[in-house]
Amino acid sequence: MHAGKVIGDLDVSFATLTFPLVFRRCRFNDNATLRHLRTPELNLQGSWTRSLDADGAIVTGSVYLSDGFSAEGEVRLRGAQIGGVLACGGSTFKNPGGNTLRADRIKGSSTTTLSIKNRGRA
């Protein structure tokens, strides 16, 4: 999806996709829950969301939380497996008084690019 608006919570937990999950320049009015999602790629470039929960997700390619991506709640990638790049360049994470990015036990086989504006605890 490009430049769309998602009304209500998005929950694709435990889904197995054979295609990339792409939401470029989209607005999520509520939370995005992608727990244990399996997909070849996750692309949220330029999108805005409240929180993102991708704990345990398996992405065989890259994850793009970059190029204007913004979250106003906690972004969770705990225990996620990423086969390609985790790109967060040009992103903003806000969660005053709480964690902005939780990525403990993350597994990757490539490069991580972190260039973020952080407002909260990372």
Protein backbone atom coordinates (compact mmCIF):
# COMPACT_ATOMS: atom_id res chain seq x y z
CA MET A 1 0.00 0.00 0.00
CA HIS A 2 1.24 3.49 -0.76
CA ALA A 3 0.05 6.66 1.02
CA GLY A 4 -2.93 4.88 2.60
CA LYS A 5 -4.63 5.21 5.95
CA VAL A 6 -5.24 2.23 8.23
CA ILE A 7 -8.11 2.86 10.65
CA GLY A 8 -8.11 0.73 13.79
CA ASP A 9 -5.50 -1.73 14.95
CA LEU A 10 -3.64 -3.75 12.30
CA ASP A 11 -2.98 -7.29 13.53
CA VAL A 12 -1.30 -9.81 11.24
CA SER A 13 0.26 -11.82 14.03
CA PHE A 14 1.27 -15.38 13.15
CA ALA A 15 0.52 -14.83 9.44
CA THR A 16 2.80 -16.42 6.85
CA LEU A 17 3.15 -14.30 3.71
CA THR A 18 4.83 -15.29 0.46
CA PHE A 19 5.08 -11.64 -0.57
CA PRO A 20 6.63 -8.52 1.02
CA LEU A 21 4.51 -6.57 3.49
CA VAL A 22 4.76 -2.99 2.27
CA PHE A 23 3.12 0.11 3.74
CA ARG A 24 5.00 3.12 2.31
CA ARG A 25 4.05 6.61 3.49
CA CYS A 26 0.98 5.23 5.29
CA ARG A 27 -0.69 6.34 8.49
CA PHE A 28 -1.81 3.83 11.11
CA ASN A 29 -4.35 5.49 13.42
CA ASP A 30 -3.70 2.86 16.07
CA ASN A 31 -1.17 0.08 16.72
CA ALA A 32 0.47 -2.32 14.29
CA THR A 33 0.88 -5.85 15.66
CA LEU A 34 3.06 -8.21 13.61
CA ARG A 35 4.05 -10.77 16.26
CA HIS A 36 5.62 -13.91 14.79
CA LEU A 37 4.82 -12.72 11.26
CA ARG A 38 6.74 -14.50 8.48
CA THR A 39 7.41 -12.45 5.35
CA PRO A 40 10.18 -11.95 2.77
CA GLU A 41 10.37 -8.19 3.54
CA LEU A 42 8.83 -5.60 5.86
CA ASN A 43 8.77 -2.07 4.48
CA LEU A 44 7.25 0.78 6.50
CA GLN A 45 9.32 3.59 4.94
CA GLY A 46 7.85 7.02 5.63
CA SER A 47 4.91 5.61 7.61
CA TRP A 48 3.51 6.77 10.97
CA THR A 49 2.16 4.50 13.69
CA ARG A 50 1.45 4.62 17.40
CA SER A 51 3.33 1.45 18.32
CA LEU A 52 4.78 -1.45 16.39
CA ASP A 53 5.02 -4.92 17.92
CA ALA A 54 6.98 -7.33 15.72
CA ASP A 55 8.30 -9.58 18.50
CA GLY A 56 9.38 -12.94 17.10
CA ALA A 57 8.84 -11.90 13.47
CA ILE A 58 10.84 -13.74 10.83
CA VAL A 59 11.78 -11.59 7.85
CA THR A 60 13.99 -13.43 5.37
CA GLY A 61 14.97 -10.17 3.67
CA SER A 62 15.18 -6.63 5.01
CA VAL A 63 13.17 -4.50 7.44
CA TYR A 64 12.78 -0.82 6.52
CA LEU A 65 11.74 1.49 9.35
CA SER A 66 13.36 4.44 7.64
CA ASP A 67 13.04 7.51 5.44
CA GLY A 68 10.61 9.37 7.67
CA PHE A 69 9.19 6.40 9.58
CA SER A 70 7.74 7.63 12.87
CA ALA A 71 6.38 5.80 15.91
CA GLU A 72 4.73 7.50 18.88
CA GLY A 73 4.86 4.43 21.07
CA GLU A 74 7.17 1.50 21.65
CA VAL A 75 8.71 -0.29 18.65
CA ARG A 76 9.37 -3.93 19.54
CA LEU A 77 11.54 -6.36 17.59
CA ARG A 78 12.37 -8.67 20.49
CA GLY A 79 13.53 -12.07 19.27
CA ALA A 80 12.94 -11.11 15.63
CA GLN A 81 15.03 -12.73 12.88
CA ILE A 82 16.09 -10.53 9.98
CA GLY A 83 17.93 -12.05 7.04
CA GLY A 84 18.82 -8.75 5.39
CA VAL A 85 19.25 -5.16 6.55
CA LEU A 86 17.48 -3.48 9.47
CA ALA A 87 17.31 0.10 8.21
CA CYS A 88 16.19 2.86 10.58
CA GLY A 89 17.92 5.83 8.95
CA GLY A 90 15.88 9.03 9.08
CA SER A 91 13.29 7.65 11.48
CA THR A 92 11.78 9.10 14.66
CA PHE A 93 10.90 7.07 17.75
CA LYS A 94 8.88 8.81 20.48
CA ASN A 95 7.60 7.32 23.71
CA PRO A 96 8.09 9.84 26.53
CA GLY A 97 8.65 8.03 29.80
CA GLY A 98 8.80 4.62 28.11
CA ASN A 99 10.96 2.52 25.82
CA THR A 100 11.21 3.66 22.23
CA LEU A 101 12.95 0.64 20.71
CA ARG A 102 13.17 -2.87 22.18
CA ALA A 103 15.25 -5.24 20.10
CA ASP A 104 16.81 -7.63 22.61
CA ARG A 105 17.55 -11.13 21.33
CA ILE A 106 17.23 -9.94 17.72
CA LYS A 107 19.01 -12.16 15.20
CA GLY A 108 20.39 -10.89 11.94
CA SER A 109 22.73 -11.95 9.21
CA SER A 110 23.55 -8.64 7.64
CA THR A 111 23.77 -4.94 8.44
CA THR A 112 21.93 -2.72 10.87
CA THR A 113 21.65 0.99 10.06
CA LEU A 114 20.47 3.11 12.96
CA SER A 115 20.22 6.86 12.48
CA ILE A 116 17.20 7.81 14.52
CA LYS A 117 15.70 10.68 16.45
CA ASN A 118 14.93 9.19 19.83
CA ARG A 119 12.59 10.68 22.43
CA GLY A 120 12.37 8.20 25.27
CA ARG A 121 14.47 5.22 26.38
CA ALA A 122 16.07 3.00 23.75
